[in-house]
PDB file of all heavy atoms in Angstrom:
ATOM      1  N   ALA A   1       8.800 -13.984  16.719  1.00  0.00           N
ATOM      2  CA  ALA A   1       9.015 -13.836  18.154  1.00  0.00           C
ATOM      3  C   ALA A   1       8.799 -12.401  18.611  1.00  0.00           C
ATOM      4  O   ALA A   1       8.101 -12.145  19.596  1.00  0.00           O
ATOM      5  CB  ALA A   1      10.432 -14.299  18.520  1.00  0.00           C
ATOM      6  N   ILE A   2       9.381 -11.445  17.902  1.00  0.00           N
ATOM      7  CA  ILE A   2       9.247 -10.058  18.356  1.00  0.00           C
ATOM      8  C   ILE A   2       7.839  -9.532  18.121  1.00  0.00           C
ATOM      9  O   ILE A   2       7.341  -8.705  18.880  1.00  0.00           O
ATOM     10  CB  ILE A   2      10.293  -9.135  17.698  1.00  0.00           C
ATOM     11  CG1 ILE A   2      10.376  -7.817  18.478  1.00  0.00           C
ATOM     12  CG2 ILE A   2       9.963  -8.875  16.227  1.00  0.00           C
ATOM     13  CD1 ILE A   2      11.538  -6.945  18.093  1.00  0.00           C
ATOM     14  N   SER A   3       7.153 -10.032  17.096  1.00  0.00           N
ATOM     15  CA  SER A   3       5.774  -9.592  16.865  1.00  0.00           C
ATOM     16  C   SER A   3       4.862 -10.052  17.992  1.00  0.00           C
ATOM     17  O   SER A   3       4.071  -9.279  18.538  1.00  0.00           O
ATOM     18  CB  SER A   3       5.259 -10.132  15.526  1.00  0.00           C
ATOM     19  OG  SER A   3       5.996  -9.598  14.459  1.00  0.00           O
ATOM     20  N   LEU A   4       4.981 -11.326  18.367  1.00  0.00           N
ATOM     21  CA  LEU A   4       4.167 -11.829  19.466  1.00  0.00           C
ATOM     22  C   LEU A   4       4.607 -11.212  20.785  1.00  0.00           C
ATOM     23  O   LEU A   4       3.787 -10.920  21.657  1.00  0.00           O
ATOM     24  CB  LEU A   4       4.265 -13.351  19.538  1.00  0.00           C
ATOM     25  CG  LEU A   4       3.326 -14.034  20.542  1.00  0.00           C
ATOM     26  CD1 LEU A   4       1.882 -13.608  20.280  1.00  0.00           C
ATOM     27  CD2 LEU A   4       3.447 -15.540  20.447  1.00  0.00           C
ATOM     28  N   ARG A   5       5.896 -10.984  20.931  1.00  0.00           N
ATOM     29  CA  ARG A   5       6.414 -10.341  22.149  1.00  0.00           C
ATOM     30  C   ARG A   5       5.821  -8.944  22.303  1.00  0.00           C
ATOM     31  O   ARG A   5       5.702  -8.431  23.410  1.00  0.00           O
ATOM     32  CB  ARG A   5       7.932 -10.281  22.054  1.00  0.00           C
ATOM     33  CG  ARG A   5       8.654  -9.752  23.263  1.00  0.00           C
ATOM     34  CD  ARG A   5       8.512 -10.689  24.454  1.00  0.00           C
ATOM     35  NE  ARG A   5       9.605 -10.559  25.378  1.00  0.00           N
ATOM     36  CZ  ARG A   5       9.884  -9.479  26.096  1.00  0.00           C
ATOM     37  NH1 ARG A   5       9.114  -8.418  25.990  1.00  0.00           N
ATOM     38  NH2 ARG A   5      10.906  -9.462  26.922  1.00  0.00           N
ATOM     39  N   ASN A   6       5.431  -8.341  21.172  1.00  0.00           N
ATOM     40  CA  ASN A   6       4.850  -7.002  21.216  1.00  0.00           C
ATOM     41  C   ASN A   6       3.444  -6.979  21.791  1.00  0.00           C
ATOM     42  O   ASN A   6       2.851  -5.910  21.938  1.00  0.00           O
ATOM     43  CB  ASN A   6       4.839  -6.375  19.813  1.00  0.00           C
ATOM     44  CG  ASN A   6       6.139  -5.669  19.507  1.00  0.00           C
ATOM     45  OD1 ASN A   6       6.972  -5.475  20.388  1.00  0.00           O
ATOM     46  ND2 ASN A   6       6.324  -5.274  18.263  1.00  0.00           N
ATOM     47  N   SER A   7       2.890  -8.149  22.107  1.00  0.00           N
ATOM     48  CA  SER A   7       1.636  -8.155  22.860  1.00  0.00           C
ATOM     49  C   SER A   7       1.839  -7.502  24.220  1.00  0.00           C
ATOM     50  O   SER A   7       0.870  -7.127  24.895  1.00  0.00           O
ATOM     51  CB  SER A   7       1.126  -9.582  23.029  1.00  0.00           C
ATOM     52  OG  SER A   7       2.056 -10.371  23.762  1.00  0.00           O
ATOM     53  N   SER A   8       3.097  -7.337  24.628  1.00  0.00           N
ATOM     54  CA  SER A   8       3.388  -6.641  25.874  1.00  0.00           C
ATOM     55  C   SER A   8       2.895  -5.198  25.823  1.00  0.00           C
ATOM     56  O   SER A   8       2.647  -4.586  26.869  1.00  0.00           O
ATOM     57  CB  SER A   8       4.899  -6.665  26.161  1.00  0.00           C
ATOM     58  OG  SER A   8       5.621  -6.067  25.101  1.00  0.00           O
ATOM     59  N   ILE A   9       2.757  -4.636  24.609  1.00  0.00           N
ATOM     60  CA  ILE A   9       2.204  -3.289  24.478  1.00  0.00           C
ATOM     61  C   ILE A   9       0.782  -3.259  25.009  1.00  0.00           C
ATOM     62  O   ILE A   9       0.367  -2.325  25.699  1.00  0.00           O
ATOM     63  CB  ILE A   9       2.241  -2.826  23.004  1.00  0.00           C
ATOM     64  CG1 ILE A   9       3.677  -2.785  22.491  1.00  0.00           C
ATOM     65  CG2 ILE A   9       1.581  -1.468  22.846  1.00  0.00           C
ATOM     66  CD1 ILE A   9       3.779  -2.539  21.005  1.00  0.00           C
ATOM     67  N   PHE A  10       0.011  -4.313  24.692  1.00  0.00           N
ATOM     68  CA  PHE A  10      -1.353  -4.418  25.192  1.00  0.00           C
ATOM     69  C   PHE A  10      -1.365  -4.459  26.715  1.00  0.00           C
ATOM     70  O   PHE A  10      -2.146  -3.769  27.373  1.00  0.00           O
ATOM     71  CB  PHE A  10      -2.006  -5.684  24.623  1.00  0.00           C
ATOM     72  CG  PHE A  10      -3.383  -5.972  25.160  1.00  0.00           C
ATOM     73  CD1 PHE A  10      -4.474  -5.240  24.737  1.00  0.00           C
ATOM     74  CD2 PHE A  10      -3.566  -6.970  26.100  1.00  0.00           C
ATOM     75  CE1 PHE A  10      -5.744  -5.510  25.241  1.00  0.00           C
ATOM     76  CE2 PHE A  10      -4.821  -7.245  26.604  1.00  0.00           C
ATOM     77  CZ  PHE A  10      -5.915  -6.506  26.171  1.00  0.00           C
ATOM     78  N   PHE A  11      -0.462  -5.245  27.293  1.00  0.00           N
ATOM     79  CA  PHE A  11      -0.387  -5.332  28.753  1.00  0.00           C
ATOM     80  C   PHE A  11       0.084  -4.003  29.350  1.00  0.00           C
ATOM     81  O   PHE A  11      -0.368  -3.607  30.433  1.00  0.00           O
ATOM     82  CB  PHE A  11       0.570  -6.451  29.165  1.00  0.00           C
ATOM     83  CG  PHE A  11       0.120  -7.821  28.728  1.00  0.00           C
ATOM     84  CD1 PHE A  11       0.950  -8.632  27.971  1.00  0.00           C
ATOM     85  CD2 PHE A  11      -1.134  -8.296  29.059  1.00  0.00           C
ATOM     86  CE1 PHE A  11       0.543  -9.892  27.566  1.00  0.00           C
ATOM     87  CE2 PHE A  11      -1.563  -9.562  28.656  1.00  0.00           C
ATOM     88  CZ  PHE A  11      -0.715 -10.359  27.907  1.00  0.00           C
ATOM     89  N   ALA A  12       1.007  -3.322  28.643  1.00  0.00           N
ATOM     90  CA  ALA A  12       1.500  -2.033  29.137  1.00  0.00           C
ATOM     91  C   ALA A  12       0.378  -1.007  29.222  1.00  0.00           C
ATOM     92  O   ALA A  12       0.337  -0.186  30.149  1.00  0.00           O
ATOM     93  CB  ALA A  12       2.624  -1.508  28.229  1.00  0.00           C
ATOM     94  N   VAL A  13      -0.545  -1.059  28.256  1.00  0.00           N
ATOM     95  CA  VAL A  13      -1.685  -0.145  28.292  1.00  0.00           C
ATOM     96  C   VAL A  13      -2.564  -0.439  29.505  1.00  0.00           C
ATOM     97  O   VAL A  13      -3.042   0.479  30.188  1.00  0.00           O
ATOM     98  CB  VAL A  13      -2.512  -0.256  26.995  1.00  0.00           C
ATOM     99  CG1 VAL A  13      -3.818   0.520  27.111  1.00  0.00           C
ATOM    100  CG2 VAL A  13      -1.707   0.268  25.828  1.00  0.00           C
ATOM    101  N   LEU A  14      -2.774  -1.709  29.808  1.00  0.00           N
ATOM    102  CA  LEU A  14      -3.552  -2.068  30.995  1.00  0.00           C
ATOM    103  C   LEU A  14      -2.879  -1.544  32.258  1.00  0.00           C
ATOM    104  O   LEU A  14      -3.534  -0.974  33.136  1.00  0.00           O
ATOM    105  CB  LEU A  14      -3.705  -3.589  31.081  1.00  0.00           C
ATOM    106  CG  LEU A  14      -4.520  -4.272  29.976  1.00  0.00           C
ATOM    107  CD1 LEU A  14      -4.577  -5.774  30.226  1.00  0.00           C
ATOM    108  CD2 LEU A  14      -5.935  -3.708  29.917  1.00  0.00           C
ATOM    109  N   PHE A  15      -1.562  -1.717  32.327  1.00  0.00           N
ATOM    110  CA  PHE A  15      -0.837  -1.236  33.503  1.00  0.00           C
ATOM    111  C   PHE A  15      -0.864   0.291  33.585  1.00  0.00           C
ATOM    112  O   PHE A  15      -0.794   0.859  34.676  1.00  0.00           O
ATOM    113  CB  PHE A  15       0.612  -1.735  33.478  1.00  0.00           C
ATOM    114  CG  PHE A  15       0.753  -3.207  33.752  1.00  0.00           C
ATOM    115  CD1 PHE A  15       1.486  -4.020  32.890  1.00  0.00           C
ATOM    116  CD2 PHE A  15       0.163  -3.787  34.860  1.00  0.00           C
ATOM    117  CE1 PHE A  15       1.610  -5.380  33.134  1.00  0.00           C
ATOM    118  CE2 PHE A  15       0.287  -5.147  35.111  1.00  0.00           C
ATOM    119  CZ  PHE A  15       1.018  -5.947  34.252  1.00  0.00           C
ATOM    120  N   SER A  16      -0.927   0.957  32.431  1.00  0.00           N
ATOM    121  CA  SER A  16      -0.925   2.423  32.437  1.00  0.00           C
ATOM    122  C   SER A  16      -2.152   2.987  33.136  1.00  0.00           C
ATOM    123  O   SER A  16      -2.119   4.089  33.686  1.00  0.00           O
ATOM    124  CB  SER A  16      -0.836   2.962  30.998  1.00  0.00           C
ATOM    125  OG  SER A  16      -2.050   2.756  30.299  1.00  0.00           O
ATOM    126  N   PHE A  17      -3.264   2.224  33.115  1.00  0.00           N
ATOM    127  CA  PHE A  17      -4.451   2.665  33.848  1.00  0.00           C
ATOM    128  C   PHE A  17      -4.180   2.706  35.347  1.00  0.00           C
ATOM    129  O   PHE A  17      -4.653   3.599  36.053  1.00  0.00           O
ATOM    130  CB  PHE A  17      -5.639   1.746  33.549  1.00  0.00           C
ATOM    131  CG  PHE A  17      -6.254   1.978  32.205  1.00  0.00           C
ATOM    132  CD1 PHE A  17      -6.068   1.063  31.177  1.00  0.00           C
ATOM    133  CD2 PHE A  17      -7.010   3.103  31.942  1.00  0.00           C
ATOM    134  CE1 PHE A  17      -6.634   1.273  29.927  1.00  0.00           C
ATOM    135  CE2 PHE A  17      -7.576   3.327  30.694  1.00  0.00           C
ATOM    136  CZ  PHE A  17      -7.382   2.402  29.682  1.00  0.00           C
ATOM    137  N   PHE A  18      -3.409   1.730  35.825  1.00  0.00           N
ATOM    138  CA  PHE A  18      -3.071   1.711  37.245  1.00  0.00           C
ATOM    139  C   PHE A  18      -2.128   2.863  37.600  1.00  0.00           C
ATOM    140  O   PHE A  18      -2.082   3.300  38.753  1.00  0.00           O
ATOM    141  CB  PHE A  18      -2.429   0.377  37.618  1.00  0.00           C
ATOM    142  CG  PHE A  18      -3.366  -0.792  37.521  1.00  0.00           C
ATOM    143  CD1 PHE A  18      -3.333  -1.635  36.423  1.00  0.00           C
ATOM    144  CD2 PHE A  18      -4.297  -1.038  38.525  1.00  0.00           C
ATOM    145  CE1 PHE A  18      -4.200  -2.725  36.336  1.00  0.00           C
ATOM    146  CE2 PHE A  18      -5.169  -2.119  38.442  1.00  0.00           C
ATOM    147  CZ  PHE A  18      -5.128  -2.952  37.339  1.00  0.00           C
ATOM    148  N   LEU A  19      -1.364   3.329  36.614  1.00  0.00           N
ATOM    149  CA  LEU A  19      -0.490   4.480  36.825  1.00  0.00           C
ATOM    150  C   LEU A  19      -1.228   5.801  36.603  1.00  0.00           C
ATOM    151  O   LEU A  19      -0.640   6.864  36.678  1.00  0.00           O
ATOM    152  CB  LEU A  19       0.715   4.405  35.871  1.00  0.00           C
ATOM    153  CG  LEU A  19       1.668   3.218  36.088  1.00  0.00           C
ATOM    154  CD1 LEU A  19       2.745   3.197  35.004  1.00  0.00           C
ATOM    155  CD2 LEU A  19       2.303   3.284  37.465  1.00  0.00           C
ATOM    156  N   ARG A  20      -2.531   5.704  36.295  1.00  0.00           N
ATOM    157  CA  ARG A  20      -3.403   6.864  36.088  1.00  0.00           C
ATOM    158  C   ARG A  20      -2.945   7.734  34.925  1.00  0.00           C
ATOM    159  O   ARG A  20      -3.012   8.972  34.970  1.00  0.00           O
ATOM    160  CB  ARG A  20      -3.498   7.704  37.371  1.00  0.00           C
ATOM    161  CG  ARG A  20      -4.124   6.942  38.533  1.00  0.00           C
ATOM    162  CD  ARG A  20      -4.223   7.805  39.777  1.00  0.00           C
ATOM    163  NE  ARG A  20      -4.846   7.055  40.879  1.00  0.00           N
ATOM    164  CZ  ARG A  20      -5.064   7.542  42.093  1.00  0.00           C
ATOM    165  NH1 ARG A  20      -4.694   8.791  42.370  1.00  0.00           N
ATOM    166  NH2 ARG A  20      -5.617   6.800  43.022  1.00  0.00           N
ATOM    167  N   GLU A  21      -2.452   7.081  33.879  1.00  0.00           N
ATOM    168  CA  GLU A  21      -2.088   7.798  32.659  1.00  0.00           C
ATOM    169  C   GLU A  21      -3.305   7.876  31.752  1.00  0.00           C
ATOM    170  O   GLU A  21      -4.073   6.914  31.650  1.00  0.00           O
ATOM    171  CB  GLU A  21      -0.938   7.088  31.940  1.00  0.00           C
ATOM    172  CG  GLU A  21       0.348   7.076  32.730  1.00  0.00           C
ATOM    173  CD  GLU A  21       1.463   6.368  31.989  1.00  0.00           C
ATOM    174  OE1 GLU A  21       1.189   5.705  30.985  1.00  0.00           O
ATOM    175  OE2 GLU A  21       2.610   6.472  32.432  1.00  0.00           O
ATOM    176  N   SER A  22      -3.470   9.001  31.105  1.00  0.00           N
ATOM    177  CA  SER A  22      -4.632   9.193  30.234  1.00  0.00           C
ATOM    178  C   SER A  22      -4.308   8.720  28.824  1.00  0.00           C
ATOM    179  O   SER A  22      -3.245   9.021  28.278  1.00  0.00           O
ATOM    180  CB  SER A  22      -5.029  10.668  30.199  1.00  0.00           C
ATOM    181  OG  SER A  22      -3.967  11.461  29.720  1.00  0.00           O
ATOM    182  N   LEU A  23      -5.234   7.954  28.234  1.00  0.00           N
ATOM    183  CA  LEU A  23      -5.102   7.492  26.858  1.00  0.00           C
ATOM    184  C   LEU A  23      -6.354   7.891  26.084  1.00  0.00           C
ATOM    185  O   LEU A  23      -7.457   7.879  26.625  1.00  0.00           O
ATOM    186  CB  LEU A  23      -4.937   5.971  26.814  1.00  0.00           C
ATOM    187  CG  LEU A  23      -3.628   5.391  27.364  1.00  0.00           C
ATOM    188  CD1 LEU A  23      -3.720   3.879  27.424  1.00  0.00           C
ATOM    189  CD2 LEU A  23      -2.454   5.815  26.509  1.00  0.00           C
ATOM    190  N   SER A  24      -6.153   8.242  24.826  1.00  0.00           N
ATOM    191  CA  SER A  24      -7.291   8.615  23.997  1.00  0.00           C
ATOM    192  C   SER A  24      -8.058   7.363  23.586  1.00  0.00           C
ATOM    193  O   SER A  24      -7.571   6.235  23.714  1.00  0.00           O
ATOM    194  CB  SER A  24      -6.810   9.360  22.747  1.00  0.00           C
ATOM    195  OG  SER A  24      -6.076   8.486  21.902  1.00  0.00           O
ATOM    196  N   ARG A  25      -9.266   7.559  23.069  1.00  0.00           N
ATOM    197  CA  ARG A  25     -10.063   6.434  22.595  1.00  0.00           C
ATOM    198  C   ARG A  25      -9.342   5.717  21.457  1.00  0.00           C
ATOM    199  O   ARG A  25      -9.392   4.487  21.356  1.00  0.00           O
ATOM    200  CB  ARG A  25     -11.423   6.942  22.121  1.00  0.00           C
ATOM    201  CG  ARG A  25     -12.381   5.837  21.695  1.00  0.00           C
ATOM    202  CD  ARG A  25     -13.727   6.409  21.310  1.00  0.00           C
ATOM    203  NE  ARG A  25     -14.321   7.148  22.420  1.00  0.00           N
ATOM    204  CZ  ARG A  25     -15.461   7.842  22.321  1.00  0.00           C
ATOM    205  NH1 ARG A  25     -16.114   7.879  21.159  1.00  0.00           N
ATOM    206  NH2 ARG A  25     -15.936   8.475  23.364  1.00  0.00           N
ATOM    207  N   LEU A  26      -8.654   6.495  20.614  1.00  0.00           N
ATOM    208  CA  LEU A  26      -7.915   5.907  19.498  1.00  0.00           C
ATOM    209  C   LEU A  26      -6.797   5.006  19.997  1.00  0.00           C
ATOM    210  O   LEU A  26      -6.544   3.927  19.439  1.00  0.00           O
ATOM    211  CB  LEU A  26      -7.338   7.026  18.620  1.00  0.00           C
ATOM    212  CG  LEU A  26      -6.874   6.639  17.210  1.00  0.00           C
ATOM    213  CD1 LEU A  26      -8.061   6.154  16.384  1.00  0.00           C
ATOM    214  CD2 LEU A  26      -6.215   7.840  16.538  1.00  0.00           C
ATOM    215  N   GLN A  27      -6.131   5.408  21.060  1.00  0.00           N
ATOM    216  CA  GLN A  27      -5.047   4.612  21.610  1.00  0.00           C
ATOM    217  C   GLN A  27      -5.571   3.323  22.260  1.00  0.00           C
ATOM    218  O   GLN A  27      -4.930   2.275  22.181  1.00  0.00           O
ATOM    219  CB  GLN A  27      -4.261   5.443  22.624  1.00  0.00           C
ATOM    220  CG  GLN A  27      -3.440   6.553  21.960  1.00  0.00           C
ATOM    221  CD  GLN A  27      -2.809   7.476  22.982  1.00  0.00           C
ATOM    222  OE1 GLN A  27      -3.476   7.978  23.877  1.00  0.00           O
ATOM    223  NE2 GLN A  27      -1.511   7.702  22.851  1.00  0.00           N
ATOM    224  N   ILE A  28      -6.730   3.396  22.892  1.00  0.00           N
ATOM    225  CA  ILE A  28      -7.330   2.206  23.482  1.00  0.00           C
ATOM    226  C   ILE A  28      -7.700   1.198  22.389  1.00  0.00           C
ATOM    227  O   ILE A  28      -7.485  -0.010  22.525  1.00  0.00           O
ATOM    228  CB  ILE A  28      -8.570   2.583  24.314  1.00  0.00           C
ATOM    229  CG1 ILE A  28      -8.139   3.412  25.529  1.00  0.00           C
ATOM    230  CG2 ILE A  28      -9.314   1.328  24.774  1.00  0.00           C
ATOM    231  CD1 ILE A  28      -9.291   3.972  26.327  1.00  0.00           C
ATOM    232  N   ILE A  29      -8.253   1.717  21.271  1.00  0.00           N
ATOM    233  CA  ILE A  29      -8.565   0.854  20.131  1.00  0.00           C
ATOM    234  C   ILE A  29      -7.288   0.197  19.611  1.00  0.00           C
ATOM    235  O   ILE A  29      -7.266  -0.988  19.261  1.00  0.00           O
ATOM    236  CB  ILE A  29      -9.257   1.658  19.014  1.00  0.00           C
ATOM    237  CG1 ILE A  29     -10.643   2.125  19.485  1.00  0.00           C
ATOM    238  CG2 ILE A  29      -9.380   0.818  17.737  1.00  0.00           C
ATOM    239  CD1 ILE A  29     -11.324   3.070  18.525  1.00  0.00           C
ATOM    240  N   GLY A  30      -6.210   0.979  19.570  1.00  0.00           N
ATOM    241  CA  GLY A  30      -4.927   0.438  19.129  1.00  0.00           C
ATOM    242  C   GLY A  30      -4.463  -0.709  19.998  1.00  0.00           C
ATOM    243  O   GLY A  30      -3.949  -1.719  19.500  1.00  0.00           O
ATOM    244  N   ALA A  31      -4.659  -0.598  21.312  1.00  0.00           N
ATOM    245  CA  ALA A  31      -4.273  -1.673  22.230  1.00  0.00           C
ATOM    246  C   ALA A  31      -5.077  -2.932  21.969  1.00  0.00           C
ATOM    247  O   ALA A  31      -4.552  -4.054  22.000  1.00  0.00           O
ATOM    248  CB  ALA A  31      -4.460  -1.210  23.672  1.00  0.00           C
ATOM    249  N   LEU A  32      -6.376  -2.770  21.698  1.00  0.00           N
ATOM    250  CA  LEU A  32      -7.225  -3.921  21.410  1.00  0.00           C
ATOM    251  C   LEU A  32      -6.809  -4.602  20.108  1.00  0.00           C
ATOM    252  O   LEU A  32      -6.819  -5.836  20.000  1.00  0.00           O
ATOM    253  CB  LEU A  32      -8.690  -3.485  21.341  1.00  0.00           C
ATOM    254  CG  LEU A  32      -9.299  -2.986  22.656  1.00  0.00           C
ATOM    255  CD1 LEU A  32     -10.713  -2.461  22.422  1.00  0.00           C
ATOM    256  CD2 LEU A  32      -9.300  -4.081  23.705  1.00  0.00           C
ATOM    257  N   ILE A  33      -6.436  -3.798  19.107  1.00  0.00           N
ATOM    258  CA  ILE A  33      -5.972  -4.355  17.832  1.00  0.00           C
ATOM    259  C   ILE A  33      -4.687  -5.155  18.041  1.00  0.00           C
ATOM    260  O   ILE A  33      -4.496  -6.224  17.442  1.00  0.00           O
ATOM    261  CB  ILE A  33      -5.753  -3.230  16.793  1.00  0.00           C
ATOM    262  CG1 ILE A  33      -7.101  -2.600  16.417  1.00  0.00           C
ATOM    263  CG2 ILE A  33      -5.054  -3.771  15.545  1.00  0.00           C
ATOM    264  CD1 ILE A  33      -6.980  -1.399  15.508  1.00  0.00           C
ATOM    265  N   ILE A  34      -3.804  -4.662  18.904  1.00  0.00           N
ATOM    266  CA  ILE A  34      -2.576  -5.391  19.219  1.00  0.00           C
ATOM    267  C   ILE A  34      -2.912  -6.737  19.857  1.00  0.00           C
ATOM    268  O   ILE A  34      -2.284  -7.760  19.558  1.00  0.00           O
ATOM    269  CB  ILE A  34      -1.678  -4.555  20.157  1.00  0.00           C
ATOM    270  CG1 ILE A  34      -1.103  -3.368  19.381  1.00  0.00           C
ATOM    271  CG2 ILE A  34      -0.553  -5.404  20.741  1.00  0.00           C
ATOM    272  CD1 ILE A  34      -0.398  -2.362  20.259  1.00  0.00           C
ATOM    273  N   GLY A  35      -3.918  -6.741  20.725  1.00  0.00           N
ATOM    274  CA  GLY A  35      -4.345  -8.003  21.336  1.00  0.00           C
ATOM    275  C   GLY A  35      -4.817  -9.000  20.295  1.00  0.00           C
ATOM    276  O   GLY A  35      -4.492 -10.186  20.358  1.00  0.00           O
ATOM    277  N   VAL A  36      -5.583  -8.523  19.294  1.00  0.00           N
ATOM    278  CA  VAL A  36      -6.044  -9.394  18.207  1.00  0.00           C
ATOM    279  C   VAL A  36      -4.845  -9.900  17.407  1.00  0.00           C
ATOM    280  O   VAL A  36      -4.778 -11.077  17.032  1.00  0.00           O
ATOM    281  CB  VAL A  36      -7.024  -8.643  17.290  1.00  0.00           C
ATOM    282  CG1 VAL A  36      -7.370  -9.483  16.064  1.00  0.00           C
ATOM    283  CG2 VAL A  36      -8.297  -8.292  18.056  1.00  0.00           C
TER     284      VAL A  36
END
């Protein structure tokens, strides 16, 4: 449950773009891996 619930990290990264927060390329890759 908590592992799948952690897909919220992927969504949080998407929302962070709307908040104009800067993320490195490595962090974006990390978000995609979480989605997988």
